[in-house]
Amino acid sequence: MIYTDALGQAHPADPGARIVSLVPSITELLCELGLAAQLVGRTGFCIHPADTVRAIAKVGGTKDVNLGKIRALAPTHVIANIDENEKPTADALAEFVPHVVVTHPLAPRDNLALARLMGGIFCTQEKAEAWCAAFEAEYAALQALRQAAPAPGQTVLYCIWQDPWMSISSDTYIARMLAEIGWRVPQLGGGRYPRFDWTPELLAQVDQVLLSSEPYRFTEAHVDALERQIGKPVQLVDGELLSWYGSRALQGLGYLRRLAQQ
């Protein structure tokens, strides 16, 4: 059986694969699919599940990958992502790794294809299908909530950084997660993660501000200070549950339900 990645590259099934994952959320998914023993390398940002990944060798970060360490691990497969990893890195890896599997989930339901791609290539289809069934059930519960208690849409400013302040565009996985509960993000100019200033014009568009717990570590202290500064509702949200695809996306759907019910 042949499986196709986000770039259209073909990968045959390989039950004996040696895997390096350069994508934190997919590292977690691979562990959930029972593949931890075949993971020979991961980034320093691959932190879940903590007890499992502790024993897996680190190969740098998502952007500053150590090619020498990966070469020494002799993987058959490296898992990369279009947003999280650099193309020159993937090109360099392709020179000595038989399969560089490129992923690019853009919306919540893309997690189904992602799980099936990983389950297919690495021959854990049954576990992948079980995960997909759980995802479909959670997604149906979210849709049922929205139909039973429809709420007016609102514009939310989702902040991922300060100094400079940065947000997200509508062309991001996070924005598409928020759209599942009718929340939209303002257009802030070019780029998927635009910088912005707290102008009266921007604040006039915004119903509430969301401070993400990652990549910047916003806290409740930031929430209190910003709320006093801008005079708009501000809340701290779990960045992993809104931005990580793979395993955490299943929890993310439940988290969206709780946000919608607030």
Protein backbone atom coordinates (compact mmCIF):
# COMPACT_ATOMS: atom_id res chain seq x y z
CA MET A 1 0.00 0.00 0.00
CA ILE A 2 1.25 3.48 -0.91
CA TYR A 3 0.43 6.63 1.08
CA THR A 4 0.75 10.20 -0.18
CA ASP A 5 1.95 13.15 1.91
CA ALA A 6 1.15 16.88 1.66
CA LEU A 7 3.61 17.34 -1.22
CA GLY A 8 2.25 14.40 -3.18
CA GLN A 9 5.25 12.23 -2.32
CA ALA A 10 4.60 8.49 -2.17
CA HIS A 11 5.54 6.44 0.89
CA PRO A 12 5.04 2.68 1.09
CA ALA A 13 3.95 1.03 4.32
CA ASP A 14 6.92 0.14 6.52
CA PRO A 15 6.26 -1.67 9.81
CA GLY A 16 9.95 -1.57 10.75
CA ALA A 17 10.48 2.16 10.26
CA ARG A 18 12.98 4.17 12.30
CA ILE A 19 11.31 7.54 12.77
CA VAL A 20 12.54 11.04 13.59
CA SER A 21 9.74 13.53 14.24
CA LEU A 22 10.39 17.25 13.83
CA VAL A 23 6.79 18.16 14.69
CA PRO A 24 5.85 18.25 18.40
CA SER A 25 2.16 17.55 17.89
CA ILE A 26 2.87 14.64 15.54
CA THR A 27 5.40 13.17 17.97
CA GLU A 28 2.54 12.95 20.45
CA LEU A 29 0.27 11.37 17.82
CA LEU A 30 2.88 8.75 16.90
CA CYS A 31 3.16 7.78 20.56
CA GLU A 32 -0.61 7.48 20.80
CA LEU A 33 -0.57 5.19 17.77
CA GLY A 34 1.83 2.86 19.60
CA LEU A 35 4.98 3.89 17.73
CA ALA A 36 7.09 5.25 20.59
CA ALA A 37 9.54 2.34 20.35
CA GLN A 38 10.24 3.28 16.71
CA LEU A 39 10.82 6.97 17.44
CA VAL A 40 14.60 7.40 17.45
CA GLY A 41 14.67 11.21 17.44
CA ARG A 42 12.56 14.28 18.25
CA THR A 43 12.93 18.02 18.74
CA GLY A 44 13.37 19.67 22.11
CA PHE A 45 9.84 21.04 21.71
CA CYS A 46 8.37 17.53 21.48
CA ILE A 47 7.35 17.41 25.14
CA HIS A 48 4.26 15.15 25.11
CA PRO A 49 3.84 12.51 26.43
CA ALA A 50 6.54 13.57 28.88
CA ASP A 51 7.36 10.17 30.38
CA THR A 52 7.71 8.62 26.93
CA VAL A 53 9.65 11.27 25.01
CA ARG A 54 12.21 11.67 27.79
CA ALA A 55 13.99 8.57 26.49
CA ILE A 56 14.03 9.72 22.85
CA ALA A 57 17.11 11.54 21.53
CA LYS A 58 16.81 15.27 20.81
CA VAL A 59 17.90 16.56 17.40
CA GLY A 60 17.62 20.33 17.96
CA GLY A 61 14.56 22.53 17.51
CA THR A 62 11.91 22.74 14.84
CA LYS A 63 13.83 25.46 12.99
CA ASP A 64 17.43 24.70 14.02
CA VAL A 65 17.58 20.99 13.26
CA ASN A 66 20.92 19.23 13.85
CA LEU A 67 21.44 17.30 10.61
CA GLY A 68 24.51 15.53 11.97
CA LYS A 69 22.56 14.07 14.88
CA ILE A 70 19.82 12.88 12.56
CA ARG A 71 22.34 11.28 10.20
CA ALA A 72 23.88 9.39 13.14
CA LEU A 73 20.44 8.02 14.11
CA ALA A 74 20.01 6.54 10.61
CA PRO A 75 16.24 7.01 10.35
CA THR A 76 14.21 5.58 7.51
CA HIS A 77 11.58 8.30 7.94
CA VAL A 78 11.61 11.94 9.09
CA ILE A 79 8.26 13.63 9.76
CA ALA A 80 8.25 17.33 8.84
CA ASN A 81 5.67 20.08 8.54
CA ILE A 82 5.40 22.92 6.03
CA ASP A 83 4.73 25.56 8.70
CA GLU A 84 7.00 24.36 11.49
CA ASN A 85 10.12 23.27 9.62
CA GLU A 86 12.30 25.02 7.05
CA LYS A 87 12.27 23.82 3.42
CA PRO A 88 16.10 23.87 3.15
CA THR A 89 16.17 21.50 6.14
CA ALA A 90 13.74 19.11 4.47
CA ASP A 91 15.74 19.26 1.25
CA ALA A 92 18.97 18.49 3.09
CA LEU A 93 17.35 15.58 4.93
CA ALA A 94 16.09 14.13 1.65
CA GLU A 95 19.70 13.64 0.57
CA PHE A 96 20.28 10.91 3.17
CA VAL A 97 16.87 9.92 4.61
CA PRO A 98 14.83 7.56 2.39
CA HIS A 99 11.49 9.13 3.32
CA VAL A 100 10.84 12.71 4.42
CA VAL A 101 7.11 12.71 5.12
CA VAL A 102 5.74 16.25 4.80
CA THR A 103 2.52 17.20 6.59
CA HIS A 104 0.33 20.31 6.41
CA PRO A 105 -2.98 20.18 8.30
CA LEU A 106 -4.93 23.38 7.68
CA ALA A 107 -8.20 22.76 9.50
CA PRO A 108 -9.53 20.57 12.33
CA ARG A 109 -10.91 17.82 10.11
CA ASP A 110 -7.53 17.49 8.38
CA ASN A 111 -6.53 15.57 11.50
CA LEU A 112 -8.40 12.56 10.14
CA ALA A 113 -6.18 12.36 7.06
CA LEU A 114 -3.11 13.01 9.21
CA ALA A 115 -3.89 10.12 11.57
CA ARG A 116 -4.59 7.80 8.64
CA LEU A 117 -1.36 8.86 6.90
CA MET A 118 0.71 8.07 10.00
CA GLY A 119 -1.24 4.89 10.72
CA GLY A 120 -0.92 3.73 7.13
CA ILE A 121 2.78 4.35 6.61
CA PHE A 122 3.71 2.84 9.96
CA CYS A 123 1.15 0.00 9.89
CA THR A 124 -1.00 0.95 12.88
CA GLN A 125 -4.22 1.39 10.92
CA GLU A 126 -6.49 -0.03 13.61
CA LYS A 127 -5.29 2.44 16.21
CA ALA A 128 -5.53 5.27 13.69
CA GLU A 129 -9.12 4.36 12.84
CA ALA A 130 -10.02 4.15 16.52
CA TRP A 131 -8.57 7.64 17.02
CA CYS A 132 -10.51 8.93 13.99
CA ALA A 133 -13.74 7.49 15.39
CA ALA A 134 -13.14 9.31 18.68
CA PHE A 135 -12.43 12.52 16.77
CA GLU A 136 -15.65 12.18 14.74
CA ALA A 137 -17.66 11.68 17.94
CA GLU A 138 -16.12 14.76 19.57
CA TYR A 139 -16.65 16.80 16.42
CA ALA A 140 -20.30 15.72 16.25
CA ALA A 141 -20.76 16.78 19.89
CA LEU A 142 -19.36 20.23 19.06
CA GLN A 143 -21.69 20.59 16.07
CA ALA A 144 -24.67 19.47 18.16
CA LEU A 145 -23.88 22.12 20.77
CA ARG A 146 -23.74 24.84 18.14
CA GLN A 147 -27.05 23.75 16.65
CA ALA A 148 -28.78 23.47 20.04
CA ALA A 149 -27.53 26.80 21.31
CA PRO A 150 -26.53 28.98 18.37
CA ALA A 151 -24.58 32.03 19.47
CA PRO A 152 -23.83 35.20 17.52
CA GLY A 153 -20.39 35.22 15.98
CA GLN A 154 -17.77 37.47 17.47
CA THR A 155 -14.43 38.91 16.44
CA VAL A 156 -11.55 37.84 18.66
CA LEU A 157 -7.97 39.07 18.61
CA TYR A 158 -5.78 36.03 19.27
CA CYS A 159 -2.39 37.14 20.59
CA ILE A 160 0.64 34.86 20.25
CA TRP A 161 3.42 37.33 21.20
CA GLN A 162 4.20 40.71 22.70
CA ASP A 163 7.12 43.08 22.09
CA PRO A 164 6.15 43.14 19.27
CA TRP A 165 2.50 42.22 19.55
CA MET A 166 1.63 39.49 17.05
CA SER A 167 -1.60 37.74 16.12
CA ILE A 168 -2.89 35.26 13.53
CA SER A 169 -4.54 35.63 10.16
CA SER A 170 -7.64 33.78 9.03
CA ASP A 171 -5.35 31.51 6.97
CA THR A 172 -4.15 29.51 9.99
CA TYR A 173 -5.12 26.30 11.73
CA ILE A 174 -5.87 28.26 14.92
CA ALA A 175 -8.30 30.59 13.13
CA ARG A 176 -10.09 27.61 11.60
CA MET A 177 -10.38 26.01 15.03
CA LEU A 178 -11.93 29.20 16.41
CA ALA A 179 -14.28 29.36 13.42
CA GLU A 180 -15.82 26.07 14.60
CA ILE A 181 -17.56 28.06 17.35
CA GLY A 182 -18.28 31.11 15.22
CA TRP A 183 -15.28 33.18 16.29
CA ARG A 184 -13.48 35.10 13.56
CA VAL A 185 -10.21 37.03 13.63
CA PRO A 186 -9.69 40.55 12.28
CA GLN A 187 -7.68 41.17 9.14
CA LEU A 188 -4.42 42.79 10.23
CA GLY A 189 -2.48 43.02 7.00
CA GLY A 190 -0.02 40.74 5.26
CA GLY A 191 1.40 37.51 6.59
CA ARG A 192 -0.08 34.62 8.50
CA TYR A 193 1.21 35.91 11.86
CA PRO A 194 0.99 39.70 11.54
CA ARG A 195 2.27 42.33 13.94
CA PHE A 196 -0.22 44.91 15.17
CA ASP A 197 -0.63 48.02 17.33
CA TRP A 198 -3.41 48.68 19.84
CA THR A 199 -5.18 51.35 17.83
CA PRO A 200 -8.72 52.62 18.48
CA GLU A 201 -9.66 51.39 14.99
CA LEU A 202 -8.56 47.85 15.80
CA LEU A 203 -10.25 47.79 19.20
CA ALA A 204 -13.51 48.96 17.63
CA GLN A 205 -13.57 45.72 15.61
CA VAL A 206 -12.84 43.38 18.52
CA ASP A 207 -15.33 41.77 20.89
CA GLN A 208 -12.68 40.10 23.07
CA VAL A 209 -8.94 39.42 23.22
CA LEU A 210 -7.45 35.95 23.67
CA LEU A 211 -3.95 35.62 25.12
CA SER A 212 -2.46 32.27 24.17
CA SER A 213 -0.38 30.25 26.63
CA GLU A 214 2.09 29.53 23.81
CA PRO A 215 4.39 30.31 22.07
CA TYR A 216 4.58 33.36 24.36
CA ARG A 217 3.85 32.41 27.96
CA PHE A 218 1.00 34.79 28.66
CA THR A 219 -0.39 34.54 32.20
CA GLU A 220 -3.36 35.83 34.19
CA ALA A 221 -1.18 38.79 35.19
CA HIS A 222 -0.98 39.76 31.50
CA VAL A 223 -4.76 39.36 31.25
CA ASP A 224 -5.42 41.74 34.16
CA ALA A 225 -2.95 44.36 32.93
CA LEU A 226 -4.20 44.32 29.35
CA GLU A 227 -7.85 44.42 30.33
CA ARG A 228 -7.21 47.59 32.32
CA GLN A 229 -5.26 49.06 29.41
CA ILE A 230 -7.69 48.42 26.55
CA GLY A 231 -11.09 48.22 28.26
CA LYS A 232 -12.10 45.03 26.43
CA PRO A 233 -12.71 41.50 27.76
CA VAL A 234 -9.47 39.49 27.81
CA GLN A 235 -9.02 35.83 28.62
CA LEU A 236 -6.14 33.37 28.76
CA VAL A 237 -6.54 30.37 26.45
CA ASP A 238 -4.66 27.09 26.12
CA GLY A 239 -2.46 27.49 23.05
CA GLU A 240 -1.70 23.78 22.75
CA LEU A 241 -5.37 22.84 22.60
CA LEU A 242 -6.06 25.44 19.91
CA SER A 243 -2.93 25.11 17.77
CA TRP A 244 -1.67 21.53 18.07
CA TYR A 245 -3.06 19.09 15.54
CA GLY A 246 -2.75 15.35 16.05
CA SER A 247 -3.61 13.88 19.45
CA ARG A 248 -4.21 17.20 21.17
CA ALA A 249 -6.79 18.21 18.55
CA LEU A 250 -9.18 15.67 20.05
CA GLN A 251 -8.95 17.45 23.41
CA GLY A 252 -9.08 20.73 21.52
CA LEU A 253 -12.61 20.04 20.27
CA GLY A 254 -13.80 19.55 23.84
CA TYR A 255 -12.01 22.74 24.82
CA LEU A 256 -13.84 24.62 22.07
CA ARG A 257 -17.13 23.36 23.51
CA ARG A 258 -16.21 24.78 26.89
CA LEU A 259 -15.22 28.13 25.35
CA ALA A 260 -18.50 28.27 23.45
CA GLN A 261 -20.49 27.60 26.63
CA GLN A 262 -18.85 30.39 28.63
